[in-house]
Amino acid sequence: GIPVVSVFPLFPPIPGEPNALVCLVQNIFPPALDIGWALAGAVATPGVTHGPFTPTAELTFVAFSRIPVVPAPGDVHACVVTSRKDNATTVAYWVAPDTALDEQLD
């Protein structure tokens, strides 16, 4: 199947405060893919961790990766998932919120 990729912060993001982003990859079969990270289009590797492929009741697998971040408003992070089977790539993005804009909307 086609991997389903989502990116979310481990904790509610606060600009300037250490946090982590999680990349959750679902609907994996066969369990052969690579998960990478990018910040503003550049490959990011420091502190990246990967979990194991975990089987599901739907006869597919899930996997995750985590990267430490210190969110700054407007930062664009990408989780890049590449299948080893056909070299197809799926990308999910997370943009750090601009708290000033959030306050204006309240």
PDB file of N, CA and C in Angstrom:
ATOM      1  N   GLY A   1       0.808  -1.188   0.000  1.00  0.00           N
ATOM      2  CA  GLY A   1       0.000   0.000   0.000  1.00  0.00           C
ATOM      3  C   GLY A   1       0.850   1.250   0.000  1.00  0.00           C
ATOM      4  N   ILE A   2       0.179   2.366  -0.064  1.00  0.00           N
ATOM      5  CA  ILE A   2       0.841   3.668  -0.007  1.00  0.00           C
ATOM      6  C   ILE A   2       0.938   4.086   1.453  1.00  0.00           C
ATOM      7  N   PRO A   3       2.136   4.408   1.936  1.00  0.00           N
ATOM      8  CA  PRO A   3       2.270   4.821   3.336  1.00  0.00           C
ATOM      9  C   PRO A   3       1.467   6.089   3.632  1.00  0.00           C
ATOM     10  N   VAL A   4       0.862   6.118   4.809  1.00  0.00           N
ATOM     11  CA  VAL A   4       0.142   7.287   5.295  1.00  0.00           C
ATOM     12  C   VAL A   4       1.036   7.931   6.349  1.00  0.00           C
ATOM     13  N   VAL A   5       1.431   9.183   6.116  1.00  0.00           N
ATOM     14  CA  VAL A   5       2.424   9.848   6.960  1.00  0.00           C
ATOM     15  C   VAL A   5       1.797  11.049   7.654  1.00  0.00           C
ATOM     16  N   SER A   6       2.048  11.176   8.961  1.00  0.00           N
ATOM     17  CA  SER A   6       1.597  12.358   9.700  1.00  0.00           C
ATOM     18  C   SER A   6       2.708  12.819  10.635  1.00  0.00           C
ATOM     19  N   VAL A   7       2.790  14.132  10.827  1.00  0.00           N
ATOM     20  CA  VAL A   7       3.799  14.734  11.700  1.00  0.00           C
ATOM     21  C   VAL A   7       3.081  15.572  12.746  1.00  0.00           C
ATOM     22  N   PHE A   8       3.508  15.432  14.000  1.00  0.00           N
ATOM     23  CA  PHE A   8       2.898  16.199  15.078  1.00  0.00           C
ATOM     24  C   PHE A   8       3.920  16.399  16.196  1.00  0.00           C
ATOM     25  N   PRO A   9       3.746  17.473  16.998  1.00  0.00           N
ATOM     26  CA  PRO A   9       4.668  17.704  18.108  1.00  0.00           C
ATOM     27  C   PRO A   9       4.366  16.752  19.266  1.00  0.00           C
ATOM     28  N   LEU A  10       5.419  16.375  19.993  1.00  0.00           N
ATOM     29  CA  LEU A  10       5.257  15.504  21.153  1.00  0.00           C
ATOM     30  C   LEU A  10       4.489  16.228  22.255  1.00  0.00           C
ATOM     31  N   PHE A  11       4.764  17.524  22.420  1.00  0.00           N
ATOM     32  CA  PHE A  11       4.089  18.372  23.406  1.00  0.00           C
ATOM     33  C   PHE A  11       3.554  19.602  22.687  1.00  0.00           C
ATOM     34  N   PRO A  12       2.563  20.305  23.278  1.00  0.00           N
ATOM     35  CA  PRO A  12       2.097  21.541  22.641  1.00  0.00           C
ATOM     36  C   PRO A  12       3.287  22.480  22.406  1.00  0.00           C
ATOM     37  N   PRO A  13       3.441  22.984  21.173  1.00  0.00           N
ATOM     38  CA  PRO A  13       4.635  23.775  20.857  1.00  0.00           C
ATOM     39  C   PRO A  13       4.625  25.162  21.490  1.00  0.00           C
ATOM     40  N   ILE A  14       5.769  25.530  22.070  1.00  0.00           N
ATOM     41  CA  ILE A  14       5.990  26.866  22.612  1.00  0.00           C
ATOM     42  C   ILE A  14       7.279  27.371  21.971  1.00  0.00           C
ATOM     43  N   PRO A  15       7.219  28.489  21.227  1.00  0.00           N
ATOM     44  CA  PRO A  15       8.429  28.980  20.564  1.00  0.00           C
ATOM     45  C   PRO A  15       9.594  29.124  21.542  1.00  0.00           C
ATOM     46  N   GLY A  16      10.751  28.619  21.126  1.00  0.00           N
ATOM     47  CA  GLY A  16      11.954  28.713  21.937  1.00  0.00           C
ATOM     48  C   GLY A  16      12.110  27.629  22.984  1.00  0.00           C
ATOM     49  N   GLU A  17      11.078  26.797  23.189  1.00  0.00           N
ATOM     50  CA  GLU A  17      11.141  25.724  24.185  1.00  0.00           C
ATOM     51  C   GLU A  17      11.447  24.392  23.501  1.00  0.00           C
ATOM     52  N   PRO A  18      12.385  23.596  24.056  1.00  0.00           N
ATOM     53  CA  PRO A  18      12.696  22.287  23.458  1.00  0.00           C
ATOM     54  C   PRO A  18      11.457  21.396  23.367  1.00  0.00           C
ATOM     55  N   ASN A  19      11.360  20.679  22.283  1.00  0.00           N
ATOM     56  CA  ASN A  19      10.234  19.787  22.027  1.00  0.00           C
ATOM     57  C   ASN A  19      10.753  18.692  21.098  1.00  0.00           C
ATOM     58  N   ALA A  20       9.863  17.904  20.570  1.00  0.00           N
ATOM     59  CA  ALA A  20      10.218  16.895  19.572  1.00  0.00           C
ATOM     60  C   ALA A  20       9.060  16.774  18.599  1.00  0.00           C
ATOM     61  N   LEU A  21       9.381  16.437  17.363  1.00  0.00           N
ATOM     62  CA  LEU A  21       8.356  16.121  16.375  1.00  0.00           C
ATOM     63  C   LEU A  21       8.357  14.623  16.161  1.00  0.00           C
ATOM     64  N   VAL A  22       7.163  14.075  15.990  1.00  0.00           N
ATOM     65  CA  VAL A  22       6.986  12.653  15.732  1.00  0.00           C
ATOM     66  C   VAL A  22       6.457  12.492  14.320  1.00  0.00           C
ATOM     67  N   CYS A  23       7.059  11.581  13.575  1.00  0.00           N
ATOM     68  CA  CYS A  23       6.567  11.219  12.251  1.00  0.00           C
ATOM     69  C   CYS A  23       6.001   9.808  12.372  1.00  0.00           C
ATOM     70  N   LEU A  24       4.701   9.677  12.214  1.00  0.00           N
ATOM     71  CA  LEU A  24       4.029   8.384  12.291  1.00  0.00           C
ATOM     72  C   LEU A  24       3.732   7.916  10.874  1.00  0.00           C
ATOM     73  N   VAL A  25       4.210   6.721  10.545  1.00  0.00           N
ATOM     74  CA  VAL A  25       4.002   6.159   9.212  1.00  0.00           C
ATOM     75  C   VAL A  25       3.142   4.910   9.362  1.00  0.00           C
ATOM     76  N   GLN A  26       1.982   4.907   8.702  1.00  0.00           N
ATOM     77  CA  GLN A  26       1.042   3.788   8.771  1.00  0.00           C
ATOM     78  C   GLN A  26       0.863   3.182   7.384  1.00  0.00           C
ATOM     79  N   ASN A  27       0.198   2.030   7.336  1.00  0.00           N
ATOM     80  CA  ASN A  27      -0.109   1.342   6.079  1.00  0.00           C
ATOM     81  C   ASN A  27       1.165   0.942   5.326  1.00  0.00           C
ATOM     82  N   ILE A  28       2.140   0.417   6.071  1.00  0.00           N
ATOM     83  CA  ILE A  28       3.412   0.005   5.475  1.00  0.00           C
ATOM     84  C   ILE A  28       3.352  -1.474   5.114  1.00  0.00           C
ATOM     85  N   PHE A  29       3.645  -1.793   3.863  1.00  0.00           N
ATOM     86  CA  PHE A  29       3.843  -3.183   3.447  1.00  0.00           C
ATOM     87  C   PHE A  29       4.503  -3.195   2.082  1.00  0.00           C
ATOM     88  N   PRO A  30       5.581  -3.892   1.942  1.00  0.00           N
ATOM     89  CA  PRO A  30       6.330  -4.612   2.978  1.00  0.00           C
ATOM     90  C   PRO A  30       7.069  -3.622   3.889  1.00  0.00           C
ATOM     91  N   PRO A  31       7.552  -4.099   5.047  1.00  0.00           N
ATOM     92  CA  PRO A  31       8.234  -3.199   5.984  1.00  0.00           C
ATOM     93  C   PRO A  31       9.653  -2.868   5.522  1.00  0.00           C
ATOM     94  N   ALA A  32       9.735  -2.087   4.464  1.00  0.00           N
ATOM     95  CA  ALA A  32      11.034  -1.712   3.890  1.00  0.00           C
ATOM     96  C   ALA A  32      10.950  -0.278   3.388  1.00  0.00           C
ATOM     97  N   LEU A  33      11.263   0.676   4.265  1.00  0.00           N
ATOM     98  CA  LEU A  33      11.267   2.074   3.871  1.00  0.00           C
ATOM     99  C   LEU A  33      12.243   2.838   4.748  1.00  0.00           C
ATOM    100  N   ASP A  34      12.586   4.025   4.293  1.00  0.00           N
ATOM    101  CA  ASP A  34      13.490   4.900   5.027  1.00  0.00           C
ATOM    102  C   ASP A  34      12.734   6.161   5.425  1.00  0.00           C
ATOM    103  N   ILE A  35      12.967   6.616   6.660  1.00  0.00           N
ATOM    104  CA  ILE A  35      12.343   7.831   7.169  1.00  0.00           C
ATOM    105  C   ILE A  35      13.447   8.851   7.417  1.00  0.00           C
ATOM    106  N   GLY A  36      13.294  10.029   6.823  1.00  0.00           N
ATOM    107  CA  GLY A  36      14.262  11.105   7.022  1.00  0.00           C
ATOM    108  C   GLY A  36      13.553  12.392   7.388  1.00  0.00           C
ATOM    109  N   TRP A  37      14.330  13.388   7.801  1.00  0.00           N
ATOM    110  CA  TRP A  37      13.789  14.678   8.209  1.00  0.00           C
ATOM    111  C   TRP A  37      14.483  15.799   7.452  1.00  0.00           C
ATOM    112  N   ALA A  38      13.755  16.890   7.233  1.00  0.00           N
ATOM    113  CA  ALA A  38      14.335  18.089   6.632  1.00  0.00           C
ATOM    114  C   ALA A  38      13.786  19.313   7.359  1.00  0.00           C
ATOM    115  N   LEU A  39      14.621  20.337   7.472  1.00  0.00           N
ATOM    116  CA  LEU A  39      14.217  21.629   8.027  1.00  0.00           C
ATOM    117  C   LEU A  39      14.513  22.673   6.967  1.00  0.00           C
ATOM    118  N   ALA A  40      13.470  23.360   6.521  1.00  0.00           N
ATOM    119  CA  ALA A  40      13.596  24.381   5.475  1.00  0.00           C
ATOM    120  C   ALA A  40      14.286  23.820   4.237  1.00  0.00           C
ATOM    121  N   GLY A  41      14.005  22.566   3.911  1.00  0.00           N
ATOM    122  CA  GLY A  41      14.529  21.943   2.704  1.00  0.00           C
ATOM    123  C   GLY A  41      15.889  21.291   2.841  1.00  0.00           C
ATOM    124  N   ALA A  42      16.571  21.475   3.987  1.00  0.00           N
ATOM    125  CA  ALA A  42      17.894  20.875   4.197  1.00  0.00           C
ATOM    126  C   ALA A  42      17.761  19.631   5.069  1.00  0.00           C
ATOM    127  N   VAL A  43      18.512  18.592   4.741  1.00  0.00           N
ATOM    128  CA  VAL A  43      18.456  17.346   5.508  1.00  0.00           C
ATOM    129  C   VAL A  43      18.839  17.627   6.958  1.00  0.00           C
ATOM    130  N   ALA A  44      18.036  17.089   7.885  1.00  0.00           N
ATOM    131  CA  ALA A  44      18.294  17.243   9.319  1.00  0.00           C
ATOM    132  C   ALA A  44      18.494  15.856   9.918  1.00  0.00           C
ATOM    133  N   THR A  45      19.613  15.642  10.603  1.00  0.00           N
ATOM    134  CA  THR A  45      19.874  14.324  11.192  1.00  0.00           C
ATOM    135  C   THR A  45      20.183  14.338  12.683  1.00  0.00           C
ATOM    136  N   PRO A  46      20.660  15.438  13.294  1.00  0.00           N
ATOM    137  CA  PRO A  46      21.050  15.370  14.707  1.00  0.00           C
ATOM    138  C   PRO A  46      19.898  14.958  15.626  1.00  0.00           C
ATOM    139  N   GLY A  47      20.130  13.925  16.415  1.00  0.00           N
ATOM    140  CA  GLY A  47      19.156  13.492  17.405  1.00  0.00           C
ATOM    141  C   GLY A  47      18.009  12.659  16.885  1.00  0.00           C
ATOM    142  N   VAL A  48      17.989  12.332  15.598  1.00  0.00           N
ATOM    143  CA  VAL A  48      16.883  11.558  15.025  1.00  0.00           C
ATOM    144  C   VAL A  48      16.902  10.137  15.582  1.00  0.00           C
ATOM    145  N   THR A  49      15.732   9.668  16.003  1.00  0.00           N
ATOM    146  CA  THR A  49      15.592   8.278  16.437  1.00  0.00           C
ATOM    147  C   THR A  49      14.476   7.624  15.629  1.00  0.00           C
ATOM    148  N   HIS A  50      14.584   6.307  15.464  1.00  0.00           N
ATOM    149  CA  HIS A  50      13.585   5.544  14.710  1.00  0.00           C
ATOM    150  C   HIS A  50      13.097   4.384  15.568  1.00  0.00           C
ATOM    151  N   GLY A  51      11.783   4.146  15.514  1.00  0.00           N
ATOM    152  CA  GLY A  51      11.221   2.989  16.191  1.00  0.00           C
ATOM    153  C   GLY A  51      11.191   1.796  15.248  1.00  0.00           C
ATOM    154  N   PRO A  52      10.851   0.626  15.778  1.00  0.00           N
ATOM    155  CA  PRO A  52      10.800  -0.579  14.945  1.00  0.00           C
ATOM    156  C   PRO A  52       9.527  -0.609  14.089  1.00  0.00           C
ATOM    157  N   PHE A  53       9.519  -1.476  13.084  1.00  0.00           N
ATOM    158  CA  PHE A  53       8.286  -1.754  12.348  1.00  0.00           C
ATOM    159  C   PHE A  53       7.418  -2.607  13.264  1.00  0.00           C
ATOM    160  N   THR A  54       6.177  -2.169  13.485  1.00  0.00           N
ATOM    161  CA  THR A  54       5.270  -2.874  14.379  1.00  0.00           C
ATOM    162  C   THR A  54       4.083  -3.383  13.570  1.00  0.00           C
ATOM    163  N   PRO A  55       3.775  -4.696  13.639  1.00  0.00           N
ATOM    164  CA  PRO A  55       2.638  -5.222  12.869  1.00  0.00           C
ATOM    165  C   PRO A  55       1.305  -4.724  13.424  1.00  0.00           C
ATOM    166  N   THR A  56       0.310  -4.632  12.531  1.00  0.00           N
ATOM    167  CA  THR A  56      -1.037  -4.215  12.918  1.00  0.00           C
ATOM    168  C   THR A  56      -2.030  -5.336  12.627  1.00  0.00           C
ATOM    169  N   ALA A  57      -3.238  -5.180  13.135  1.00  0.00           N
ATOM    170  CA  ALA A  57      -4.301  -6.161  12.891  1.00  0.00           C
ATOM    171  C   ALA A  57      -4.713  -6.182  11.419  1.00  0.00           C
ATOM    172  N   GLU A  58      -4.421  -5.096  10.675  1.00  0.00           N
ATOM    173  CA  GLU A  58      -4.785  -5.004   9.255  1.00  0.00           C
ATOM    174  C   GLU A  58      -3.739  -5.651   8.350  1.00  0.00           C
ATOM    175  N   LEU A  59      -2.770  -6.366   8.943  1.00  0.00           N
ATOM    176  CA  LEU A  59      -1.704  -7.059   8.208  1.00  0.00           C
ATOM    177  C   LEU A  59      -0.765  -6.088   7.491  1.00  0.00           C
ATOM    178  N   THR A  60      -0.610  -4.895   8.060  1.00  0.00           N
ATOM    179  CA  THR A  60       0.391  -3.939   7.595  1.00  0.00           C
ATOM    180  C   THR A  60       1.301  -3.641   8.783  1.00  0.00           C
ATOM    181  N   PHE A  61       2.149  -2.655   8.629  1.00  0.00           N
ATOM    182  CA  PHE A  61       3.045  -2.269   9.707  1.00  0.00           C
ATOM    183  C   PHE A  61       2.954  -0.767   9.933  1.00  0.00           C
ATOM    184  N   VAL A  62       3.343  -0.336  11.134  1.00  0.00           N
ATOM    185  CA  VAL A  62       3.507   1.080  11.439  1.00  0.00           C
ATOM    186  C   VAL A  62       4.941   1.282  11.914  1.00  0.00           C
ATOM    187  N   ALA A  63       5.429   2.500  11.758  1.00  0.00           N
ATOM    188  CA  ALA A  63       6.757   2.864  12.245  1.00  0.00           C
ATOM    189  C   ALA A  63       6.718   4.343  12.602  1.00  0.00           C
ATOM    190  N   PHE A  64       7.693   4.765  13.393  1.00  0.00           N
ATOM    191  CA  PHE A  64       7.764   6.175  13.724  1.00  0.00           C
ATOM    192  C   PHE A  64       9.214   6.623  13.790  1.00  0.00           C
ATOM    193  N   SER A  65       9.367   7.922  13.706  1.00  0.00           N
ATOM    194  CA  SER A  65      10.668   8.551  13.858  1.00  0.00           C
ATOM    195  C   SER A  65      10.446   9.813  14.670  1.00  0.00           C
ATOM    196  N   ARG A  66      11.485  10.229  15.379  1.00  0.00           N
ATOM    197  CA  ARG A  66      11.366  11.413  16.222  1.00  0.00           C
ATOM    198  C   ARG A  66      12.617  12.268  16.050  1.00  0.00           C
ATOM    199  N   ILE A  67      12.418  13.589  16.071  1.00  0.00           N
ATOM    200  CA  ILE A  67      13.542  14.519  15.976  1.00  0.00           C
ATOM    201  C   ILE A  67      13.352  15.625  17.016  1.00  0.00           C
ATOM    202  N   PRO A  68      14.419  15.947  17.758  1.00  0.00           N
ATOM    203  CA  PRO A  68      14.304  17.061  18.707  1.00  0.00           C
ATOM    204  C   PRO A  68      14.278  18.393  17.955  1.00  0.00           C
ATOM    205  N   VAL A  69      13.444  19.311  18.424  1.00  0.00           N
ATOM    206  CA  VAL A  69      13.338  20.631  17.800  1.00  0.00           C
ATOM    207  C   VAL A  69      13.187  21.694  18.883  1.00  0.00           C
ATOM    208  N   VAL A  70      13.539  22.900  18.534  1.00  0.00           N
ATOM    209  CA  VAL A  70      13.209  24.083  19.326  1.00  0.00           C
ATOM    210  C   VAL A  70      12.423  24.961  18.357  1.00  0.00           C
ATOM    211  N   PRO A  71      11.079  24.892  18.425  1.00  0.00           N
ATOM    212  CA  PRO A  71      10.263  25.566  17.414  1.00  0.00           C
ATOM    213  C   PRO A  71      10.494  27.078  17.380  1.00  0.00           C
ATOM    214  N   ALA A  72      10.618  27.597  16.180  1.00  0.00           N
ATOM    215  CA  ALA A  72      10.650  29.039  15.939  1.00  0.00           C
ATOM    216  C   ALA A  72       9.530  29.331  14.946  1.00  0.00           C
ATOM    217  N   PRO A  73       8.781  30.423  15.151  1.00  0.00           N
ATOM    218  CA  PRO A  73       7.660  30.718  14.253  1.00  0.00           C
ATOM    219  C   PRO A  73       8.068  30.645  12.786  1.00  0.00           C
ATOM    220  N   GLY A  74       7.279  29.897  12.012  1.00  0.00           N
ATOM    221  CA  GLY A  74       7.512  29.776  10.580  1.00  0.00           C
ATOM    222  C   GLY A  74       8.452  28.667  10.162  1.00  0.00           C
ATOM    223  N   ASP A  75       9.116  27.990  11.117  1.00  0.00           N
ATOM    224  CA  ASP A  75       9.963  26.848  10.749  1.00  0.00           C
ATOM    225  C   ASP A  75       9.130  25.809  10.011  1.00  0.00           C
ATOM    226  N   VAL A  76       9.672  25.265   8.926  1.00  0.00           N
ATOM    227  CA  VAL A  76       8.983  24.222   8.163  1.00  0.00           C
ATOM    228  C   VAL A  76       9.800  22.937   8.268  1.00  0.00           C
ATOM    229  N   HIS A  77       9.233  21.945   8.939  1.00  0.00           N
ATOM    230  CA  HIS A  77       9.866  20.639   9.093  1.00  0.00           C
ATOM    231  C   HIS A  77       9.150  19.646   8.182  1.00  0.00           C
ATOM    232  N   ALA A  78       9.903  18.722   7.610  1.00  0.00           N
ATOM    233  CA  ALA A  78       9.320  17.709   6.730  1.00  0.00           C
ATOM    234  C   ALA A  78       9.807  16.333   7.143  1.00  0.00           C
ATOM    235  N   CYS A  79       8.884  15.382   7.154  1.00  0.00           N
ATOM    236  CA  CYS A  79       9.221  13.973   7.328  1.00  0.00           C
ATOM    237  C   CYS A  79       9.135  13.359   5.933  1.00  0.00           C
ATOM    238  N   VAL A  80      10.246  12.787   5.494  1.00  0.00           N
ATOM    239  CA  VAL A  80      10.349  12.253   4.137  1.00  0.00           C
ATOM    240  C   VAL A  80      10.449  10.735   4.219  1.00  0.00           C
ATOM    241  N   VAL A  81       9.451  10.048   3.661  1.00  0.00           N
ATOM    242  CA  VAL A  81       9.385   8.587   3.714  1.00  0.00           C
ATOM    243  C   VAL A  81       9.600   8.048   2.305  1.00  0.00           C
ATOM    244  N   THR A  82      10.619   7.211   2.147  1.00  0.00           N
ATOM    245  CA  THR A  82      10.953   6.647   0.839  1.00  0.00           C
ATOM    246  C   THR A  82      10.877   5.131   0.895  1.00  0.00           C
ATOM    247  N   SER A  83      10.065   4.552   0.018  1.00  0.00           N
ATOM    248  CA  SER A  83       9.902   3.101  -0.064  1.00  0.00           C
ATOM    249  C   SER A  83      11.122   2.478  -0.724  1.00  0.00           C
ATOM    250  N   ARG A  84      11.642   1.421  -0.116  1.00  0.00           N
ATOM    251  CA  ARG A  84      12.758   0.699  -0.737  1.00  0.00           C
ATOM    252  C   ARG A  84      12.265  -0.187  -1.880  1.00  0.00           C
ATOM    253  N   LYS A  85      10.955  -0.451  -1.906  1.00  0.00           N
ATOM    254  CA  LYS A  85      10.373  -1.318  -2.934  1.00  0.00           C
ATOM    255  C   LYS A  85      10.378  -0.643  -4.304  1.00  0.00           C
ATOM    256  N   ASP A  86       9.907   0.614  -4.356  1.00  0.00           N
ATOM    257  CA  ASP A  86       9.769   1.290  -5.652  1.00  0.00           C
ATOM    258  C   ASP A  86      10.345   2.710  -5.657  1.00  0.00           C
ATOM    259  N   ASN A  87      11.033   3.090  -4.575  1.00  0.00           N
ATOM    260  CA  ASN A  87      11.665   4.402  -4.447  1.00  0.00           C
ATOM    261  C   ASN A  87      10.651   5.545  -4.442  1.00  0.00           C
ATOM    262  N   ALA A  88       9.369   5.244  -4.213  1.00  0.00           N
ATOM    263  CA  ALA A  88       8.346   6.282  -4.118  1.00  0.00           C
ATOM    264  C   ALA A  88       8.532   7.041  -2.802  1.00  0.00           C
ATOM    265  N   THR A  89       8.278   8.352  -2.842  1.00  0.00           N
ATOM    266  CA  THR A  89       8.471   9.194  -1.664  1.00  0.00           C
ATOM    267  C   THR A  89       7.155   9.849  -1.267  1.00  0.00           C
ATOM    268  N   THR A  90       6.886   9.854   0.040  1.00  0.00           N
ATOM    269  CA  THR A  90       5.740  10.544   0.616  1.00  0.00           C
ATOM    270  C   THR A  90       6.291  11.539   1.632  1.00  0.00           C
ATOM    271  N   VAL A  91       5.783  12.772   1.607  1.00  0.00           N
ATOM    272  CA  VAL A  91       6.283  13.809   2.505  1.00  0.00           C
ATOM    273  C   VAL A  91       5.122  14.395   3.304  1.00  0.00           C
ATOM    274  N   ALA A  92       5.340  14.586   4.614  1.00  0.00           N
ATOM    275  CA  ALA A  92       4.376  15.282   5.467  1.00  0.00           C
ATOM    276  C   ALA A  92       5.104  16.460   6.110  1.00  0.00           C
ATOM    277  N   TYR A  93       4.403  17.593   6.238  1.00  0.00           N
ATOM    278  CA  TYR A  93       5.015  18.818   6.753  1.00  0.00           C
ATOM    279  C   TYR A  93       4.410  19.223   8.087  1.00  0.00           C
ATOM    280  N   TRP A  94       5.221  19.919   8.879  1.00  0.00           N
ATOM    281  CA  TRP A  94       4.743  20.581  10.093  1.00  0.00           C
ATOM    282  C   TRP A  94       5.362  21.966  10.110  1.00  0.00           C
ATOM    283  N   VAL A  95       4.515  22.987  10.284  1.00  0.00           N
ATOM    284  CA  VAL A  95       4.985  24.369  10.338  1.00  0.00           C
ATOM    285  C   VAL A  95       4.789  24.877  11.758  1.00  0.00           C
ATOM    286  N   ALA A  96       5.869  25.387  12.353  1.00  0.00           N
ATOM    287  CA  ALA A  96       5.785  25.929  13.712  1.00  0.00           C
ATOM    288  C   ALA A  96       4.816  27.104  13.715  1.00  0.00           C
ATOM    289  N   PRO A  97       3.910  27.131  14.696  1.00  0.00           N
ATOM    290  CA  PRO A  97       2.911  28.204  14.717  1.00  0.00           C
ATOM    291  C   PRO A  97       3.539  29.553  15.047  1.00  0.00           C
ATOM    292  N   ASP A  98       2.923  30.599  14.523  1.00  0.00           N
ATOM    293  CA  ASP A  98       3.312  31.966  14.850  1.00  0.00           C
ATOM    294  C   ASP A  98       2.391  32.412  15.975  1.00  0.00           C
ATOM    295  N   THR A  99       2.894  32.440  17.204  1.00  0.00           N
ATOM    296  CA  THR A  99       2.033  32.733  18.356  1.00  0.00           C
ATOM    297  C   THR A  99       1.463  34.140  18.291  1.00  0.00           C
ATOM    298  N   ALA A 100       2.173  35.088  17.676  1.00  0.00           N
ATOM    299  CA  ALA A 100       1.635  36.445  17.553  1.00  0.00           C
ATOM    300  C   ALA A 100       0.366  36.423  16.711  1.00  0.00           C
ATOM    301  N   LEU A 101       0.374  35.632  15.634  1.00  0.00           N
ATOM    302  CA  LEU A 101      -0.812  35.509  14.794  1.00  0.00           C
ATOM    303  C   LEU A 101      -1.933  34.827  15.568  1.00  0.00           C
ATOM    304  N   ASP A 102      -1.606  33.767  16.337  1.00  0.00           N
ATOM    305  CA  ASP A 102      -2.614  33.079  17.141  1.00  0.00           C
ATOM    306  C   ASP A 102      -3.274  34.043  18.127  1.00  0.00           C
ATOM    307  N   GLU A 103      -2.478  34.925  18.743  1.00  0.00           N
ATOM    308  CA  GLU A 103      -3.028  35.872  19.711  1.00  0.00           C
ATOM    309  C   GLU A 103      -3.938  36.876  19.018  1.00  0.00           C
ATOM    310  N   GLN A 104      -3.615  37.268  17.776  1.00  0.00           N
ATOM    311  CA  GLN A 104      -4.454  38.202  17.039  1.00  0.00           C
ATOM    312  C   GLN A 104      -5.802  37.571  16.709  1.00  0.00           C
ATOM    313  N   LEU A 105      -5.826  36.262  16.527  1.00  0.00           N
ATOM    314  CA  LEU A 105      -7.064  35.580  16.152  1.00  0.00           C
ATOM    315  C   LEU A 105      -7.973  35.331  17.344  1.00  0.00           C
ATOM    316  N   ASP A 106      -7.436  35.395  18.564  1.00  0.00           N
ATOM    317  CA  ASP A 106      -8.252  35.136  19.770  1.00  0.00           C
ATOM    318  C   ASP A 106      -9.236  36.244  20.026  1.00  0.00           C
TER     319      ASP A 106
END
